[in-house]
Structure formats: C-alpha cells, structure tokens
Amino acid sequence: MNTSQGALYFGAGIDTAQFRRDIESMRRDILGLTQTTVQQTGQMDSAFKNLSIGIASYFSIGAIKSFVTELINVRGEFQKTEIAFSTMLKSEAKAAELMGQMVDLAAKTPFSLQEVSAGAKQLLAFPDPG
C-alpha cells in the first residue's frame, strides 16, 4: 500500500489475456453458428427445390396422363360416331363426308362435336320423305 501526502493510494491492473481468450472464444462460437446457419439454409434451399421439382413433375405427369386419356377418349368417341353414321347411311364415304361437315360446324359454332353429332343422329332417325 502506498501513501501520497497522507492519502492511501491503490493501484489496480487488468489481466487482458483472459479477456482476449474470452473474446476469441465468443468469435469462434459466432463463426461456428454462422457456418451452421449457412449450411442449414443451403440444405433447406435444396430441399425446397427438390420438393418443387417433385411437385411440378407430379402435376406435369398428371396433366400429360390426363391429356392422353382425354385424347384417347375423344378419338374413341369419334370412331364410334363414324361407325354409327356409316351404319345409318350405309356408306363409309357418306359418313366421312358428314363427319367432316359436323367437325366444320362444331368449329364454327358454340356447339361441341358431341352436340352436333347428337343432332345429326336425331335428324337421320327421321324417315326420308322422298
């Protein structure tokens, strides 16, 4: 203990080595947390990308399957209608000509080919006045 003109004088010192070790430890913890966050974010991005690709593929495959199924159904209906008209008209050539006219009419009017076909079948069911 020192005295200076009768007053007590105390000296204090700080051990900065421990302070620096603590700061370095905190810095390493923060860097580790940052790296972990970056890795986890990358994994989440990758998972979401894979999920979105999977969902898009599922819906694309579903849409393609639906389109192909609808195309097959429409072609089947077209063939059945063609056969029905061939039978009713007793001529494949006349049936093909009538089908062409019906497709043209369906394209130019708000009626679907099925509606035009149903109307044509009803008209053909009437007896020939001639």
N, C-alpha and C. Protein backbone atom coordinates (compact mmCIF):
# COMPACT_ATOMS: atom_id res chain seq x y z
N MET A 1 0.85 -1.15 0.00
CA MET A 1 0.00 0.00 0.00
C MET A 1 0.90 1.22 0.00
N ASN A 2 0.60 2.16 -0.82
CA ASN A 2 1.37 3.39 -0.94
C ASN A 2 0.56 4.55 -0.38
N THR A 3 1.28 5.48 0.06
CA THR A 3 0.61 6.69 0.53
C THR A 3 1.19 7.86 -0.22
N SER A 4 0.36 8.80 -0.47
CA SER A 4 0.81 10.00 -1.11
C SER A 4 0.27 11.17 -0.32
N GLN A 5 1.12 11.87 0.36
CA GLN A 5 0.78 13.00 1.20
C GLN A 5 -0.34 12.66 2.16
N GLY A 6 -0.24 11.48 2.71
CA GLY A 6 -1.15 11.06 3.75
C GLY A 6 -2.38 10.35 3.25
N ALA A 7 -2.64 10.30 1.96
CA ALA A 7 -3.81 9.58 1.43
C ALA A 7 -3.38 8.21 0.97
N LEU A 8 -4.29 7.32 1.05
CA LEU A 8 -3.98 5.98 0.58
C LEU A 8 -4.07 5.94 -0.94
N TYR A 9 -3.20 5.19 -1.51
CA TYR A 9 -3.17 5.07 -2.96
C TYR A 9 -3.25 3.59 -3.29
N PHE A 10 -4.21 3.24 -4.12
CA PHE A 10 -4.35 1.85 -4.55
C PHE A 10 -4.13 1.79 -6.05
N GLY A 11 -3.47 0.77 -6.50
CA GLY A 11 -3.28 0.54 -7.94
C GLY A 11 -4.06 -0.70 -8.34
N ALA A 12 -4.65 -0.67 -9.49
CA ALA A 12 -5.42 -1.81 -9.99
C ALA A 12 -4.91 -2.16 -11.38
N GLY A 13 -4.90 -3.42 -11.69
CA GLY A 13 -4.47 -3.87 -13.00
C GLY A 13 -5.50 -4.82 -13.58
N ILE A 14 -5.55 -4.88 -14.89
CA ILE A 14 -6.50 -5.78 -15.57
C ILE A 14 -5.68 -6.80 -16.32
N ASP A 15 -6.07 -8.07 -16.16
CA ASP A 15 -5.42 -9.14 -16.90
C ASP A 15 -6.13 -9.24 -18.25
N THR A 16 -5.58 -8.65 -19.27
CA THR A 16 -6.22 -8.63 -20.58
C THR A 16 -6.09 -9.96 -21.31
N ALA A 17 -5.23 -10.81 -20.87
CA ALA A 17 -5.05 -12.11 -21.53
C ALA A 17 -6.35 -12.92 -21.43
N GLN A 18 -6.95 -12.99 -20.28
CA GLN A 18 -8.21 -13.73 -20.11
C GLN A 18 -9.33 -13.07 -20.91
N PHE A 19 -9.35 -11.74 -20.91
CA PHE A 19 -10.36 -11.00 -21.68
C PHE A 19 -10.24 -11.36 -23.16
N ARG A 20 -9.00 -11.41 -23.67
CA ARG A 20 -8.77 -11.75 -25.08
C ARG A 20 -9.18 -13.19 -25.37
N ARG A 21 -8.90 -14.11 -24.45
CA ARG A 21 -9.32 -15.51 -24.65
C ARG A 21 -10.84 -15.61 -24.70
N ASP A 22 -11.52 -14.87 -23.85
CA ASP A 22 -12.98 -14.89 -23.84
C ASP A 22 -13.55 -14.32 -25.15
N ILE A 23 -12.96 -13.23 -25.62
CA ILE A 23 -13.39 -12.62 -26.89
C ILE A 23 -13.16 -13.59 -28.04
N GLU A 24 -12.00 -14.25 -28.05
CA GLU A 24 -11.68 -15.22 -29.11
C GLU A 24 -12.65 -16.39 -29.08
N SER A 25 -13.00 -16.83 -27.89
CA SER A 25 -13.97 -17.93 -27.74
C SER A 25 -15.34 -17.51 -28.28
N MET A 26 -15.77 -16.30 -27.98
CA MET A 26 -17.05 -15.80 -28.49
C MET A 26 -17.01 -15.68 -30.02
N ARG A 27 -15.89 -15.22 -30.57
CA ARG A 27 -15.74 -15.08 -32.01
C ARG A 27 -15.86 -16.45 -32.69
N ARG A 28 -15.20 -17.47 -32.13
CA ARG A 28 -15.29 -18.82 -32.69
C ARG A 28 -16.73 -19.35 -32.62
N ASP A 29 -17.40 -19.08 -31.51
CA ASP A 29 -18.79 -19.52 -31.38
C ASP A 29 -19.68 -18.85 -32.43
N ILE A 30 -19.48 -17.57 -32.65
CA ILE A 30 -20.28 -16.83 -33.64
C ILE A 30 -19.99 -17.35 -35.04
N LEU A 31 -18.70 -17.58 -35.36
CA LEU A 31 -18.34 -18.12 -36.67
C LEU A 31 -18.95 -19.51 -36.88
N GLY A 32 -18.90 -20.33 -35.85
CA GLY A 32 -19.49 -21.67 -35.95
C GLY A 32 -20.99 -21.60 -36.17
N LEU A 33 -21.62 -20.70 -35.45
CA LEU A 33 -23.06 -20.52 -35.62
C LEU A 33 -23.39 -20.02 -37.02
N THR A 34 -22.59 -19.12 -37.53
CA THR A 34 -22.79 -18.59 -38.88
C THR A 34 -22.64 -19.69 -39.92
N GLN A 35 -21.59 -20.51 -39.78
CA GLN A 35 -21.37 -21.60 -40.73
C GLN A 35 -22.51 -22.62 -40.66
N THR A 36 -22.95 -22.93 -39.48
CA THR A 36 -24.07 -23.87 -39.32
C THR A 36 -25.33 -23.31 -39.95
N THR A 37 -25.57 -22.02 -39.75
CA THR A 37 -26.75 -21.37 -40.35
C THR A 37 -26.68 -21.41 -41.87
N VAL A 38 -25.50 -21.13 -42.43
CA VAL A 38 -25.32 -21.17 -43.88
C VAL A 38 -25.57 -22.59 -44.40
N GLN A 39 -25.03 -23.59 -43.72
CA GLN A 39 -25.23 -24.98 -44.14
C GLN A 39 -26.71 -25.37 -44.07
N GLN A 40 -27.35 -25.03 -42.97
CA GLN A 40 -28.77 -25.37 -42.81
C GLN A 40 -29.63 -24.67 -43.85
N THR A 41 -29.31 -23.41 -44.14
CA THR A 41 -30.05 -22.67 -45.14
C THR A 41 -29.87 -23.32 -46.51
N GLY A 42 -28.66 -23.73 -46.83
CA GLY A 42 -28.39 -24.42 -48.09
C GLY A 42 -29.17 -25.72 -48.19
N GLN A 43 -29.22 -26.47 -47.10
CA GLN A 43 -29.98 -27.72 -47.09
C GLN A 43 -31.47 -27.45 -47.27
N MET A 44 -31.96 -26.40 -46.62
CA MET A 44 -33.38 -26.06 -46.77
C MET A 44 -33.68 -25.63 -48.19
N ASP A 45 -32.80 -24.82 -48.80
CA ASP A 45 -32.98 -24.41 -50.19
C ASP A 45 -33.03 -25.62 -51.10
N SER A 46 -32.09 -26.53 -50.89
CA SER A 46 -32.03 -27.74 -51.71
C SER A 46 -33.29 -28.58 -51.53
N ALA A 47 -33.75 -28.71 -50.30
CA ALA A 47 -34.97 -29.49 -50.03
C ALA A 47 -36.18 -28.85 -50.71
N PHE A 48 -36.31 -27.53 -50.62
CA PHE A 48 -37.44 -26.85 -51.26
C PHE A 48 -37.37 -26.95 -52.78
N LYS A 49 -36.16 -26.86 -53.34
CA LYS A 49 -36.01 -27.01 -54.79
C LYS A 49 -36.42 -28.41 -55.21
N ASN A 50 -35.94 -29.41 -54.48
CA ASN A 50 -36.32 -30.79 -54.80
C ASN A 50 -37.82 -31.01 -54.66
N LEU A 51 -38.39 -30.43 -53.64
CA LEU A 51 -39.83 -30.54 -53.42
C LEU A 51 -40.59 -29.88 -54.56
N SER A 52 -40.17 -28.70 -54.96
CA SER A 52 -40.88 -28.01 -56.05
C SER A 52 -40.72 -28.76 -57.37
N ILE A 53 -39.55 -29.33 -57.60
CA ILE A 53 -39.35 -30.13 -58.82
C ILE A 53 -40.25 -31.35 -58.77
N GLY A 54 -40.32 -31.99 -57.61
CA GLY A 54 -41.18 -33.16 -57.47
C GLY A 54 -42.64 -32.83 -57.68
N ILE A 55 -43.09 -31.73 -57.11
CA ILE A 55 -44.49 -31.33 -57.27
C ILE A 55 -44.77 -30.98 -58.73
N ALA A 56 -43.87 -30.24 -59.35
CA ALA A 56 -44.05 -29.88 -60.76
C ALA A 56 -44.08 -31.13 -61.63
N SER A 57 -43.18 -32.07 -61.34
CA SER A 57 -43.16 -33.32 -62.12
C SER A 57 -44.45 -34.09 -61.93
N TYR A 58 -44.92 -34.16 -60.69
CA TYR A 58 -46.15 -34.90 -60.42
C TYR A 58 -47.32 -34.30 -61.19
N PHE A 59 -47.45 -32.97 -61.12
CA PHE A 59 -48.56 -32.33 -61.82
C PHE A 59 -48.37 -32.38 -63.33
N SER A 60 -47.12 -32.29 -63.80
CA SER A 60 -46.88 -32.39 -65.24
C SER A 60 -47.23 -33.78 -65.74
N ILE A 61 -46.81 -34.79 -65.00
CA ILE A 61 -47.12 -36.17 -65.38
C ILE A 61 -48.63 -36.38 -65.32
N GLY A 62 -49.26 -35.84 -64.28
CA GLY A 62 -50.71 -35.95 -64.16
C GLY A 62 -51.42 -35.26 -65.31
N ALA A 63 -50.93 -34.08 -65.69
CA ALA A 63 -51.55 -33.34 -66.80
C ALA A 63 -51.35 -34.08 -68.12
N ILE A 64 -50.16 -34.63 -68.32
CA ILE A 64 -49.90 -35.38 -69.55
C ILE A 64 -50.78 -36.62 -69.60
N LYS A 65 -50.85 -37.32 -68.47
CA LYS A 65 -51.68 -38.53 -68.41
C LYS A 65 -53.14 -38.18 -68.69
N SER A 66 -53.61 -37.11 -68.09
CA SER A 66 -54.99 -36.67 -68.30
C SER A 66 -55.23 -36.30 -69.76
N PHE A 67 -54.27 -35.59 -70.36
CA PHE A 67 -54.39 -35.19 -71.76
C PHE A 67 -54.44 -36.41 -72.67
N VAL A 68 -53.55 -37.37 -72.44
CA VAL A 68 -53.51 -38.58 -73.27
C VAL A 68 -54.81 -39.37 -73.11
N THR A 69 -55.28 -39.48 -71.87
CA THR A 69 -56.54 -40.19 -71.63
C THR A 69 -57.69 -39.50 -72.35
N GLU A 70 -57.73 -38.19 -72.26
CA GLU A 70 -58.80 -37.43 -72.94
C GLU A 70 -58.69 -37.57 -74.45
N LEU A 71 -57.47 -37.55 -74.96
CA LEU A 71 -57.25 -37.72 -76.40
C LEU A 71 -57.74 -39.09 -76.85
N ILE A 72 -57.45 -40.12 -76.09
CA ILE A 72 -57.91 -41.47 -76.42
C ILE A 72 -59.44 -41.54 -76.37
N ASN A 73 -60.02 -40.93 -75.35
CA ASN A 73 -61.48 -40.92 -75.23
C ASN A 73 -62.14 -40.20 -76.41
N VAL A 74 -61.58 -39.05 -76.78
CA VAL A 74 -62.14 -38.28 -77.90
C VAL A 74 -62.02 -39.07 -79.19
N ARG A 75 -60.86 -39.68 -79.41
CA ARG A 75 -60.66 -40.47 -80.62
C ARG A 75 -61.63 -41.66 -80.63
N GLY A 76 -61.84 -42.29 -79.48
CA GLY A 76 -62.78 -43.40 -79.39
C GLY A 76 -64.20 -42.96 -79.71
N GLU A 77 -64.59 -41.81 -79.16
CA GLU A 77 -65.93 -41.27 -79.44
C GLU A 77 -66.08 -40.94 -80.93
N PHE A 78 -65.03 -40.38 -81.51
CA PHE A 78 -65.05 -40.03 -82.92
C PHE A 78 -65.24 -41.29 -83.76
N GLN A 79 -64.50 -42.35 -83.42
CA GLN A 79 -64.61 -43.61 -84.17
C GLN A 79 -66.01 -44.22 -84.00
N LYS A 80 -66.53 -44.20 -82.79
CA LYS A 80 -67.89 -44.74 -82.57
C LYS A 80 -68.92 -43.96 -83.37
N THR A 81 -68.77 -42.64 -83.41
CA THR A 81 -69.70 -41.81 -84.16
C THR A 81 -69.57 -42.10 -85.66
N GLU A 82 -68.34 -42.26 -86.12
CA GLU A 82 -68.11 -42.58 -87.53
C GLU A 82 -68.75 -43.92 -87.90
N ILE A 83 -68.60 -44.91 -87.04
CA ILE A 83 -69.21 -46.22 -87.29
C ILE A 83 -70.72 -46.13 -87.28
N ALA A 84 -71.26 -45.35 -86.32
CA ALA A 84 -72.72 -45.20 -86.25
C ALA A 84 -73.27 -44.56 -87.52
N PHE A 85 -72.60 -43.52 -88.01
CA PHE A 85 -73.07 -42.86 -89.22
C PHE A 85 -72.87 -43.74 -90.46
N SER A 86 -71.80 -44.52 -90.48
CA SER A 86 -71.61 -45.46 -91.60
C SER A 86 -72.75 -46.46 -91.65
N THR A 87 -73.17 -46.92 -90.48
CA THR A 87 -74.27 -47.87 -90.41
C THR A 87 -75.58 -47.21 -90.81
N MET A 88 -75.83 -46.01 -90.28
CA MET A 88 -77.10 -45.32 -90.57
C MET A 88 -77.19 -44.92 -92.05
N LEU A 89 -76.07 -44.51 -92.62
CA LEU A 89 -76.08 -44.05 -94.01
C LEU A 89 -75.75 -45.16 -95.00
N LYS A 90 -75.35 -46.32 -94.49
CA LYS A 90 -74.97 -47.48 -95.29
C LYS A 90 -73.86 -47.15 -96.29
N SER A 91 -72.97 -46.21 -95.88
CA SER A 91 -71.86 -45.83 -96.75
C SER A 91 -70.78 -45.15 -95.91
N GLU A 92 -69.56 -45.70 -96.01
CA GLU A 92 -68.45 -45.08 -95.28
C GLU A 92 -68.10 -43.72 -95.88
N ALA A 93 -68.21 -43.58 -97.18
CA ALA A 93 -67.88 -42.32 -97.84
C ALA A 93 -68.83 -41.22 -97.40
N LYS A 94 -70.15 -41.54 -97.36
CA LYS A 94 -71.13 -40.55 -96.92
C LYS A 94 -70.92 -40.21 -95.45
N ALA A 95 -70.57 -41.22 -94.64
CA ALA A 95 -70.31 -40.99 -93.21
C ALA A 95 -69.10 -40.08 -93.04
N ALA A 96 -68.04 -40.32 -93.81
CA ALA A 96 -66.84 -39.49 -93.71
C ALA A 96 -67.14 -38.05 -94.12
N GLU A 97 -67.97 -37.89 -95.17
CA GLU A 97 -68.35 -36.55 -95.62
C GLU A 97 -69.17 -35.84 -94.54
N LEU A 98 -70.11 -36.58 -93.95
CA LEU A 98 -70.95 -36.00 -92.88
C LEU A 98 -70.09 -35.64 -91.67
N MET A 99 -69.14 -36.50 -91.31
CA MET A 99 -68.25 -36.22 -90.17
C MET A 99 -67.46 -34.94 -90.43
N GLY A 100 -66.98 -34.77 -91.64
CA GLY A 100 -66.25 -33.55 -91.99
C GLY A 100 -67.12 -32.32 -91.83
N GLN A 101 -68.37 -32.42 -92.27
CA GLN A 101 -69.30 -31.30 -92.14
C GLN A 101 -69.59 -31.01 -90.66
N MET A 102 -69.73 -32.07 -89.86
CA MET A 102 -70.02 -31.88 -88.43
C MET A 102 -68.83 -31.23 -87.71
N VAL A 103 -67.62 -31.66 -88.05
CA VAL A 103 -66.42 -31.07 -87.44
C VAL A 103 -66.35 -29.59 -87.81
N ASP A 104 -66.62 -29.28 -89.07
CA ASP A 104 -66.61 -27.89 -89.53
C ASP A 104 -67.66 -27.06 -88.79
N LEU A 105 -68.88 -27.61 -88.65
CA LEU A 105 -69.96 -26.92 -87.94
C LEU A 105 -69.60 -26.70 -86.47
N ALA A 106 -69.03 -27.73 -85.84
CA ALA A 106 -68.65 -27.62 -84.42
C ALA A 106 -67.57 -26.55 -84.23
N ALA A 107 -66.69 -26.43 -85.22
CA ALA A 107 -65.61 -25.43 -85.13
C ALA A 107 -66.13 -24.01 -85.29
N LYS A 108 -67.23 -23.85 -86.05
CA LYS A 108 -67.75 -22.52 -86.35
C LYS A 108 -68.85 -22.08 -85.39
N THR A 109 -69.39 -22.97 -84.61
CA THR A 109 -70.50 -22.64 -83.71
C THR A 109 -70.09 -22.93 -82.26
N PRO A 110 -70.90 -22.49 -81.32
CA PRO A 110 -70.56 -22.78 -79.92
C PRO A 110 -70.89 -24.22 -79.51
N PHE A 111 -71.43 -25.02 -80.43
CA PHE A 111 -71.79 -26.40 -80.11
C PHE A 111 -70.56 -27.30 -80.19
N SER A 112 -70.53 -28.30 -79.30
CA SER A 112 -69.43 -29.26 -79.33
C SER A 112 -69.71 -30.30 -80.41
N LEU A 113 -68.69 -31.07 -80.74
CA LEU A 113 -68.85 -32.12 -81.74
C LEU A 113 -69.87 -33.15 -81.26
N GLN A 114 -69.91 -33.42 -79.98
CA GLN A 114 -70.88 -34.37 -79.44
C GLN A 114 -72.31 -33.85 -79.62
N GLU A 115 -72.50 -32.56 -79.38
CA GLU A 115 -73.84 -31.97 -79.55
C GLU A 115 -74.26 -31.98 -81.02
N VAL A 116 -73.34 -31.65 -81.91
CA VAL A 116 -73.65 -31.66 -83.34
C VAL A 116 -73.94 -33.10 -83.78
N SER A 117 -73.16 -34.02 -83.28
CA SER A 117 -73.35 -35.43 -83.62
C SER A 117 -74.71 -35.93 -83.14
N ALA A 118 -75.10 -35.57 -81.93
CA ALA A 118 -76.40 -35.98 -81.40
C ALA A 118 -77.53 -35.42 -82.26
N GLY A 119 -77.40 -34.17 -82.68
CA GLY A 119 -78.42 -33.55 -83.55
C GLY A 119 -78.49 -34.25 -84.90
N ALA A 120 -77.33 -34.59 -85.45
CA ALA A 120 -77.30 -35.27 -86.75
C ALA A 120 -77.93 -36.65 -86.64
N LYS A 121 -77.67 -37.35 -85.54
CA LYS A 121 -78.28 -38.68 -85.34
C LYS A 121 -79.80 -38.56 -85.28
N GLN A 122 -80.29 -37.55 -84.58
CA GLN A 122 -81.74 -37.36 -84.49
C GLN A 122 -82.34 -37.07 -85.86
N LEU A 123 -81.66 -36.24 -86.64
CA LEU A 123 -82.16 -35.92 -87.99
C LEU A 123 -82.15 -37.14 -88.88
N LEU A 124 -81.13 -37.98 -88.77
CA LEU A 124 -81.05 -39.18 -89.60
C LEU A 124 -82.09 -40.23 -89.18
N ALA A 125 -82.56 -40.15 -87.95
CA ALA A 125 -83.55 -41.11 -87.49
C ALA A 125 -84.91 -40.89 -88.13
N PHE A 126 -85.16 -39.68 -88.61
CA PHE A 126 -86.43 -39.41 -89.28
C PHE A 126 -86.45 -40.11 -90.65
N PRO A 127 -87.61 -40.60 -91.07
CA PRO A 127 -87.69 -41.28 -92.37
C PRO A 127 -87.46 -40.28 -93.50
N ASP A 128 -86.88 -40.80 -94.58
CA ASP A 128 -86.61 -40.00 -95.79
C ASP A 128 -87.94 -39.70 -96.48
N PRO A 129 -88.29 -38.39 -96.66
CA PRO A 129 -89.59 -38.06 -97.25
C PRO A 129 -89.66 -38.41 -98.74
N GLY A 130 -88.54 -38.69 -99.34
CA GLY A 130 -88.53 -38.90 -100.79
C GLY A 130 -88.80 -40.26 -101.23
